[in-house]
């Protein structure tokens, strides 16, 4: 599966898991519904600020949406280490 299609499919699955319509999700992520629809269908890439908005709205890890992990659960924050 092509990257944009995988990414879009994962966005759609995460949205549906939360019971959000495209309209609700787009509103929460502060993006036009047409953009969200094109992302979900693998026809549009995404700006970093929109990626962050989707991660927060969908409460998933970046690794999940980017295809590096199959578990959508956000990773716990790492503790900062001081040298």
PDB file of N, CA and C in Angstrom:
ATOM      1  N   UNK A   1       0.850  -1.180   0.000  1.00  0.00           N
ATOM      2  CA  UNK A   1       0.000   0.000   0.000  1.00  0.00           C
ATOM      3  C   UNK A   1       0.893   1.240   0.000  1.00  0.00           C
ATOM      4  N   UNK A   2       0.559   2.185  -0.806  1.00  0.00           N
ATOM      5  CA  UNK A   2       1.294   3.443  -0.893  1.00  0.00           C
ATOM      6  C   UNK A   2       1.169   4.226   0.422  1.00  0.00           C
ATOM      7  N   UNK A   3       2.202   5.009   0.727  1.00  0.00           N
ATOM      8  CA  UNK A   3       2.237   5.723   2.009  1.00  0.00           C
ATOM      9  C   UNK A   3       1.007   6.596   2.229  1.00  0.00           C
ATOM     10  N   UNK A   4       0.622   7.426   1.256  1.00  0.00           N
ATOM     11  CA  UNK A   4      -0.524   8.319   1.462  1.00  0.00           C
ATOM     12  C   UNK A   4      -1.809   7.537   1.701  1.00  0.00           C
ATOM     13  N   UNK A   5      -1.943   6.390   1.048  1.00  0.00           N
ATOM     14  CA  UNK A   5      -3.132   5.562   1.269  1.00  0.00           C
ATOM     15  C   UNK A   5      -3.121   4.965   2.669  1.00  0.00           C
ATOM     16  N   UNK A   6      -1.965   4.465   3.113  1.00  0.00           N
ATOM     17  CA  UNK A   6      -1.846   3.912   4.461  1.00  0.00           C
ATOM     18  C   UNK A   6      -2.134   4.982   5.504  1.00  0.00           C
ATOM     19  N   UNK A   7      -1.542   6.146   5.335  1.00  0.00           N
ATOM     20  CA  UNK A   7      -1.751   7.247   6.262  1.00  0.00           C
ATOM     21  C   UNK A   7      -3.237   7.617   6.327  1.00  0.00           C
ATOM     22  N   UNK A   8      -3.850   7.778   5.170  1.00  0.00           N
ATOM     23  CA  UNK A   8      -5.263   8.135   5.112  1.00  0.00           C
ATOM     24  C   UNK A   8      -6.162   7.094   5.746  1.00  0.00           C
ATOM     25  N   UNK A   9      -5.853   5.830   5.500  1.00  0.00           N
ATOM     26  CA  UNK A   9      -6.636   4.745   6.090  1.00  0.00           C
ATOM     27  C   UNK A   9      -6.530   4.762   7.609  1.00  0.00           C
ATOM     28  N   UNK A  10      -5.342   5.039   8.118  1.00  0.00           N
ATOM     29  CA  UNK A  10      -5.157   5.092   9.569  1.00  0.00           C
ATOM     30  C   UNK A  10      -5.863   6.296  10.183  1.00  0.00           C
ATOM     31  N   UNK A  11      -5.873   7.411   9.474  1.00  0.00           N
ATOM     32  CA  UNK A  11      -6.627   8.576   9.949  1.00  0.00           C
ATOM     33  C   UNK A  11      -8.110   8.214  10.022  1.00  0.00           C
ATOM     34  N   UNK A  12      -8.620   7.595   8.959  1.00  0.00           N
ATOM     35  CA  UNK A  12     -10.037   7.208   8.927  1.00  0.00           C
ATOM     36  C   UNK A  12     -10.379   6.237  10.050  1.00  0.00           C
ATOM     37  N   UNK A  13      -9.538   5.218  10.252  1.00  0.00           N
ATOM     38  CA  UNK A  13      -9.796   4.233  11.320  1.00  0.00           C
ATOM     39  C   UNK A  13      -9.807   4.892  12.698  1.00  0.00           C
ATOM     40  N   UNK A  14      -8.840   5.764  12.939  1.00  0.00           N
ATOM     41  CA  UNK A  14      -8.769   6.441  14.239  1.00  0.00           C
ATOM     42  C   UNK A  14      -9.989   7.339  14.443  1.00  0.00           C
ATOM     43  N   UNK A  15     -10.407   8.031  13.388  1.00  0.00           N
ATOM     44  CA  UNK A  15     -11.591   8.891  13.469  1.00  0.00           C
ATOM     45  C   UNK A  15     -12.835   8.064  13.783  1.00  0.00           C
ATOM     46  N   UNK A  16     -12.988   6.958  13.090  1.00  0.00           N
ATOM     47  CA  UNK A  16     -14.161   6.116  13.289  1.00  0.00           C
ATOM     48  C   UNK A  16     -14.155   5.462  14.670  1.00  0.00           C
ATOM     49  N   UNK A  17     -12.955   5.099  15.164  1.00  0.00           N
ATOM     50  CA  UNK A  17     -12.846   4.504  16.489  1.00  0.00           C
ATOM     51  C   UNK A  17     -13.371   5.467  17.559  1.00  0.00           C
ATOM     52  N   UNK A  18     -13.204   6.767  17.317  1.00  0.00           N
ATOM     53  CA  UNK A  18     -13.712   7.770  18.255  1.00  0.00           C
ATOM     54  C   UNK A  18     -15.174   8.126  17.996  1.00  0.00           C
ATOM     55  N   UNK A  19     -15.738   7.575  16.943  1.00  0.00           N
ATOM     56  CA  UNK A  19     -17.134   7.853  16.613  1.00  0.00           C
ATOM     57  C   UNK A  19     -17.342   9.241  16.034  1.00  0.00           C
ATOM     58  N   UNK A  20     -16.306   9.797  15.393  1.00  0.00           N
ATOM     59  CA  UNK A  20     -16.399  11.134  14.819  1.00  0.00           C
ATOM     60  C   UNK A  20     -16.745  11.066  13.344  1.00  0.00           C
ATOM     61  N   UNK A  21     -17.612  11.938  12.907  1.00  0.00           N
ATOM     62  CA  UNK A  21     -17.850  12.083  11.472  1.00  0.00           C
ATOM     63  C   UNK A  21     -16.694  12.882  10.880  1.00  0.00           C
ATOM     64  N   UNK A  22     -16.591  12.875   9.567  1.00  0.00           N
ATOM     65  CA  UNK A  22     -15.549  13.693   8.941  1.00  0.00           C
ATOM     66  C   UNK A  22     -15.751  15.167   9.297  1.00  0.00           C
ATOM     67  N   UNK A  23     -16.994  15.594   9.316  1.00  0.00           N
ATOM     68  CA  UNK A  23     -17.293  16.991   9.632  1.00  0.00           C
ATOM     69  C   UNK A  23     -16.833  17.340  11.040  1.00  0.00           C
ATOM     70  N   UNK A  24     -17.149  16.489  12.015  1.00  0.00           N
ATOM     71  CA  UNK A  24     -16.738  16.737  13.399  1.00  0.00           C
ATOM     72  C   UNK A  24     -15.217  16.735  13.537  1.00  0.00           C
ATOM     73  N   UNK A  25     -14.584  15.755  12.926  1.00  0.00           N
ATOM     74  CA  UNK A  25     -13.133  15.636  13.021  1.00  0.00           C
ATOM     75  C   UNK A  25     -12.447  16.841  12.379  1.00  0.00           C
ATOM     76  N   UNK A  26     -12.909  17.237  11.222  1.00  0.00           N
ATOM     77  CA  UNK A  26     -12.329  18.395  10.537  1.00  0.00           C
ATOM     78  C   UNK A  26     -12.483  19.652  11.389  1.00  0.00           C
ATOM     79  N   UNK A  27     -13.645  19.812  12.009  1.00  0.00           N
ATOM     80  CA  UNK A  27     -13.871  20.983  12.861  1.00  0.00           C
ATOM     81  C   UNK A  27     -12.925  20.971  14.055  1.00  0.00           C
ATOM     82  N   UNK A  28     -12.790  19.822  14.714  1.00  0.00           N
ATOM     83  CA  UNK A  28     -11.902  19.715  15.872  1.00  0.00           C
ATOM     84  C   UNK A  28     -10.437  19.929  15.505  1.00  0.00           C
ATOM     85  N   UNK A  29     -10.053  19.455  14.320  1.00  0.00           N
ATOM     86  CA  UNK A  29      -8.670  19.603  13.868  1.00  0.00           C
ATOM     87  C   UNK A  29      -8.444  20.930  13.147  1.00  0.00           C
ATOM     88  N   UNK A  30      -9.501  21.715  13.035  1.00  0.00           N
ATOM     89  CA  UNK A  30      -9.450  23.039  12.416  1.00  0.00           C
ATOM     90  C   UNK A  30      -8.900  22.990  10.988  1.00  0.00           C
ATOM     91  N   UNK A  31      -9.511  22.102  10.195  1.00  0.00           N
ATOM     92  CA  UNK A  31      -9.147  22.025   8.780  1.00  0.00           C
ATOM     93  C   UNK A  31     -10.416  21.870   7.960  1.00  0.00           C
ATOM     94  N   UNK A  32     -10.382  22.277   6.698  1.00  0.00           N
ATOM     95  CA  UNK A  32     -11.560  22.094   5.847  1.00  0.00           C
ATOM     96  C   UNK A  32     -11.895  20.614   5.680  1.00  0.00           C
ATOM     97  N   UNK A  33     -13.176  20.309   5.650  1.00  0.00           N
ATOM     98  CA  UNK A  33     -13.598  18.915   5.500  1.00  0.00           C
ATOM     99  C   UNK A  33     -13.083  18.329   4.190  1.00  0.00           C
ATOM    100  N   UNK A  34     -13.002  19.135   3.137  1.00  0.00           N
ATOM    101  CA  UNK A  34     -12.504  18.633   1.859  1.00  0.00           C
ATOM    102  C   UNK A  34     -11.051  18.168   1.982  1.00  0.00           C
ATOM    103  N   UNK A  35     -10.263  18.862   2.788  1.00  0.00           N
ATOM    104  CA  UNK A  35      -8.863  18.462   2.998  1.00  0.00           C
ATOM    105  C   UNK A  35      -8.811  17.134   3.734  1.00  0.00           C
ATOM    106  N   UNK A  36      -9.600  17.009   4.807  1.00  0.00           N
ATOM    107  CA  UNK A  36      -9.630  15.754   5.555  1.00  0.00           C
ATOM    108  C   UNK A  36     -10.074  14.606   4.659  1.00  0.00           C
ATOM    109  N   UNK A  37     -11.064  14.828   3.834  1.00  0.00           N
ATOM    110  CA  UNK A  37     -11.545  13.788   2.932  1.00  0.00           C
ATOM    111  C   UNK A  37     -10.446  13.360   1.964  1.00  0.00           C
ATOM    112  N   UNK A  38      -9.731  14.317   1.376  1.00  0.00           N
ATOM    113  CA  UNK A  38      -8.643  13.974   0.449  1.00  0.00           C
ATOM    114  C   UNK A  38      -7.513  13.239   1.170  1.00  0.00           C
ATOM    115  N   UNK A  39      -7.236  13.626   2.413  1.00  0.00           N
ATOM    116  CA  UNK A  39      -6.206  12.924   3.199  1.00  0.00           C
ATOM    117  C   UNK A  39      -6.632  11.482   3.423  1.00  0.00           C
ATOM    118  N   UNK A  40      -7.881  11.287   3.871  1.00  0.00           N
ATOM    119  CA  UNK A  40      -8.370   9.939   4.143  1.00  0.00           C
ATOM    120  C   UNK A  40      -8.387   9.059   2.894  1.00  0.00           C
ATOM    121  N   UNK A  41      -8.559   9.651   1.740  1.00  0.00           N
ATOM    122  CA  UNK A  41      -8.587   8.884   0.495  1.00  0.00           C
ATOM    123  C   UNK A  41      -7.209   8.769  -0.147  1.00  0.00           C
ATOM    124  N   UNK A  42      -6.185   9.260   0.540  1.00  0.00           N
ATOM    125  CA  UNK A  42      -4.821   9.120   0.036  1.00  0.00           C
ATOM    126  C   UNK A  42      -4.509   9.997  -1.151  1.00  0.00           C
ATOM    127  N   UNK A  43      -5.237  11.107  -1.292  1.00  0.00           N
ATOM    128  CA  UNK A  43      -5.036  11.986  -2.437  1.00  0.00           C
ATOM    129  C   UNK A  43      -4.367  13.306  -2.074  1.00  0.00           C
ATOM    130  N   UNK A  44      -4.019  13.467  -0.800  1.00  0.00           N
ATOM    131  CA  UNK A  44      -3.378  14.717  -0.396  1.00  0.00           C
ATOM    132  C   UNK A  44      -2.375  14.457   0.714  1.00  0.00           C
ATOM    133  N   UNK A  45      -1.221  15.084   0.592  1.00  0.00           N
ATOM    134  CA  UNK A  45      -0.247  15.028   1.676  1.00  0.00           C
ATOM    135  C   UNK A  45      -0.683  16.037   2.734  1.00  0.00           C
ATOM    136  N   UNK A  46       0.087  16.144   3.796  1.00  0.00           N
ATOM    137  CA  UNK A  46      -0.369  16.926   4.935  1.00  0.00           C
ATOM    138  C   UNK A  46       0.752  17.817   5.447  1.00  0.00           C
ATOM    139  N   UNK A  47       0.386  19.026   5.824  1.00  0.00           N
ATOM    140  CA  UNK A  47       1.332  19.947   6.446  1.00  0.00           C
ATOM    141  C   UNK A  47       1.564  19.518   7.892  1.00  0.00           C
ATOM    142  N   UNK A  48       2.708  19.861   8.417  1.00  0.00           N
ATOM    143  CA  UNK A  48       3.075  19.471   9.773  1.00  0.00           C
ATOM    144  C   UNK A  48       2.080  19.983  10.809  1.00  0.00           C
ATOM    145  N   UNK A  49       1.616  21.210  10.669  1.00  0.00           N
ATOM    146  CA  UNK A  49       0.657  21.738  11.647  1.00  0.00           C
ATOM    147  C   UNK A  49      -0.658  20.970  11.617  1.00  0.00           C
ATOM    148  N   UNK A  50      -1.057  20.510  10.447  1.00  0.00           N
ATOM    149  CA  UNK A  50      -2.277  19.702  10.356  1.00  0.00           C
ATOM    150  C   UNK A  50      -2.049  18.303  10.906  1.00  0.00           C
ATOM    151  N   UNK A  51      -0.850  17.781  10.729  1.00  0.00           N
ATOM    152  CA  UNK A  51      -0.515  16.481  11.318  1.00  0.00           C
ATOM    153  C   UNK A  51      -0.630  16.558  12.835  1.00  0.00           C
ATOM    154  N   UNK A  52      -0.080  17.584  13.427  1.00  0.00           N
ATOM    155  CA  UNK A  52      -0.146  17.750  14.880  1.00  0.00           C
ATOM    156  C   UNK A  52      -1.603  17.883  15.326  1.00  0.00           C
ATOM    157  N   UNK A  53      -2.389  18.641  14.596  1.00  0.00           N
ATOM    158  CA  UNK A  53      -3.805  18.801  14.948  1.00  0.00           C
ATOM    159  C   UNK A  53      -4.536  17.461  14.886  1.00  0.00           C
ATOM    160  N   UNK A  54      -4.242  16.653  13.875  1.00  0.00           N
ATOM    161  CA  UNK A  54      -4.880  15.337  13.778  1.00  0.00           C
ATOM    162  C   UNK A  54      -4.422  14.420  14.900  1.00  0.00           C
ATOM    163  N   UNK A  55      -3.141  14.445  15.223  1.00  0.00           N
ATOM    164  CA  UNK A  55      -2.642  13.606  16.317  1.00  0.00           C
ATOM    165  C   UNK A  55      -3.354  13.936  17.614  1.00  0.00           C
ATOM    166  N   UNK A  56      -3.531  15.212  17.875  1.00  0.00           N
ATOM    167  CA  UNK A  56      -4.218  15.635  19.108  1.00  0.00           C
ATOM    168  C   UNK A  56      -5.701  15.291  19.062  1.00  0.00           C
ATOM    169  N   UNK A  57      -6.336  15.555  17.939  1.00  0.00           N
ATOM    170  CA  UNK A  57      -7.768  15.284  17.799  1.00  0.00           C
ATOM    171  C   UNK A  57      -8.071  13.797  17.911  1.00  0.00           C
ATOM    172  N   UNK A  58      -7.251  12.977  17.261  1.00  0.00           N
ATOM    173  CA  UNK A  58      -7.494  11.531  17.219  1.00  0.00           C
ATOM    174  C   UNK A  58      -6.844  10.778  18.375  1.00  0.00           C
ATOM    175  N   UNK A  59      -5.984  11.464  19.136  1.00  0.00           N
ATOM    176  CA  UNK A  59      -5.287  10.873  20.276  1.00  0.00           C
ATOM    177  C   UNK A  59      -4.552   9.594  19.880  1.00  0.00           C
ATOM    178  N   UNK A  60      -3.750   9.713  18.830  1.00  0.00           N
ATOM    179  CA  UNK A  60      -2.930   8.590  18.371  1.00  0.00           C
ATOM    180  C   UNK A  60      -1.469   9.026  18.313  1.00  0.00           C
ATOM    181  N   UNK A  61      -0.596   8.041  18.220  1.00  0.00           N
ATOM    182  CA  UNK A  61       0.832   8.346  18.132  1.00  0.00           C
ATOM    183  C   UNK A  61       1.210   8.693  16.694  1.00  0.00           C
ATOM    184  N   UNK A  62       2.223   9.534  16.518  1.00  0.00           N
ATOM    185  CA  UNK A  62       2.702   9.816  15.168  1.00  0.00           C
ATOM    186  C   UNK A  62       3.199   8.538  14.486  1.00  0.00           C
ATOM    187  N   UNK A  63       3.801   7.648  15.274  1.00  0.00           N
ATOM    188  CA  UNK A  63       4.320   6.402  14.728  1.00  0.00           C
ATOM    189  C   UNK A  63       3.212   5.561  14.096  1.00  0.00           C
ATOM    190  N   UNK A  64       2.017   5.619  14.681  1.00  0.00           N
ATOM    191  CA  UNK A  64       0.878   4.879  14.134  1.00  0.00           C
ATOM    192  C   UNK A  64       0.456   5.457  12.786  1.00  0.00           C
ATOM    193  N   UNK A  65       0.208   6.770  12.748  1.00  0.00           N
ATOM    194  CA  UNK A  65      -0.254   7.372  11.501  1.00  0.00           C
ATOM    195  C   UNK A  65       0.788   7.253  10.392  1.00  0.00           C
ATOM    196  N   UNK A  66       2.057   7.290  10.762  1.00  0.00           N
ATOM    197  CA  UNK A  66       3.119   7.214   9.758  1.00  0.00           C
ATOM    198  C   UNK A  66       3.465   5.784   9.360  1.00  0.00           C
ATOM    199  N   UNK A  67       2.836   4.802  10.003  1.00  0.00           N
ATOM    200  CA  UNK A  67       3.015   3.415   9.618  1.00  0.00           C
ATOM    201  C   UNK A  67       4.184   2.706  10.265  1.00  0.00           C
ATOM    202  N   UNK A  68       4.785   3.294  11.308  1.00  0.00           N
ATOM    203  CA  UNK A  68       5.913   2.651  11.988  1.00  0.00           C
ATOM    204  C   UNK A  68       5.462   1.685  13.071  1.00  0.00           C
ATOM    205  N   UNK A  69       4.228   1.840  13.561  1.00  0.00           N
ATOM    206  CA  UNK A  69       3.656   0.941  14.577  1.00  0.00           C
ATOM    207  C   UNK A  69       2.228   0.633  14.190  1.00  0.00           C
ATOM    208  N   UNK A  70       1.739  -0.504  14.651  1.00  0.00           N
ATOM    209  CA  UNK A  70       0.344  -0.846  14.398  1.00  0.00           C
ATOM    210  C   UNK A  70      -0.564  -0.496  15.567  1.00  0.00           C
ATOM    211  N   UNK A  71       0.020  -0.163  16.697  1.00  0.00           N
ATOM    212  CA  UNK A  71      -0.745   0.208  17.885  1.00  0.00           C
ATOM    213  C   UNK A  71      -0.954   1.727  17.883  1.00  0.00           C
ATOM    214  N   UNK A  72      -2.205   2.187  17.852  1.00  0.00           N
ATOM    215  CA  UNK A  72      -2.445   3.625  17.801  1.00  0.00           C
ATOM    216  C   UNK A  72      -2.241   4.356  19.129  1.00  0.00           C
ATOM    217  N   UNK A  73      -2.077   3.616  20.220  1.00  0.00           N
ATOM    218  CA  UNK A  73      -1.943   4.231  21.542  1.00  0.00           C
ATOM    219  C   UNK A  73      -0.750   5.182  21.566  1.00  0.00           C
ATOM    220  N   UNK A  74      -0.981   6.417  21.999  1.00  0.00           N
ATOM    221  CA  UNK A  74       0.150   7.360  22.082  1.00  0.00           C
ATOM    222  C   UNK A  74       1.213   6.844  23.038  1.00  0.00           C
ATOM    223  N   UNK A  75       2.455   7.054  22.684  1.00  0.00           N
ATOM    224  CA  UNK A  75       3.558   6.663  23.553  1.00  0.00           C
ATOM    225  C   UNK A  75       3.626   7.630  24.730  1.00  0.00           C
ATOM    226  N   UNK A  76       3.998   7.135  25.927  1.00  0.00           N
ATOM    227  CA  UNK A  76       4.121   8.053  27.062  1.00  0.00           C
ATOM    228  C   UNK A  76       5.275   9.016  26.825  1.00  0.00           C
ATOM    229  N   UNK A  77       5.163  10.235  27.349  1.00  0.00           N
ATOM    230  CA  UNK A  77       6.251  11.192  27.167  1.00  0.00           C
ATOM    231  C   UNK A  77       7.534  10.657  27.769  1.00  0.00           C
ATOM    232  N   UNK A  78       8.640  10.915  27.104  1.00  0.00           N
ATOM    233  CA  UNK A  78       9.929  10.489  27.621  1.00  0.00           C
ATOM    234  C   UNK A  78      10.437  11.516  28.613  1.00  0.00           C
ATOM    235  N   UNK A  79      11.085  11.016  29.653  1.00  0.00           N
ATOM    236  CA  UNK A  79      11.654  11.917  30.639  1.00  0.00           C
ATOM    237  C   UNK A  79      12.889  12.566  30.031  1.00  0.00           C
ATOM    238  N   UNK A  80      13.023  13.851  30.299  1.00  0.00           N
ATOM    239  CA  UNK A  80      14.209  14.545  29.823  1.00  0.00           C
ATOM    240  C   UNK A  80      15.389  14.185  30.691  1.00  0.00           C
ATOM    241  N   UNK A  81      16.512  13.962  30.047  1.00  0.00           N
ATOM    242  CA  UNK A  81      17.722  13.658  30.802  1.00  0.00           C
ATOM    243  C   UNK A  81      18.649  14.859  30.690  1.00  0.00           C
ATOM    244  N   UNK A  82      19.257  15.193  31.792  1.00  0.00           N
ATOM    245  CA  UNK A  82      20.190  16.319  31.788  1.00  0.00           C
ATOM    246  C   UNK A  82      21.608  15.761  31.777  1.00  0.00           C
ATOM    247  N   UNK A  83      22.446  16.361  30.953  1.00  0.00           N
ATOM    248  CA  UNK A  83      23.825  15.832  30.870  1.00  0.00           C
ATOM    249  C   UNK A  83      24.641  16.127  32.097  1.00  0.00           C
TER     250      UNK A  83
END
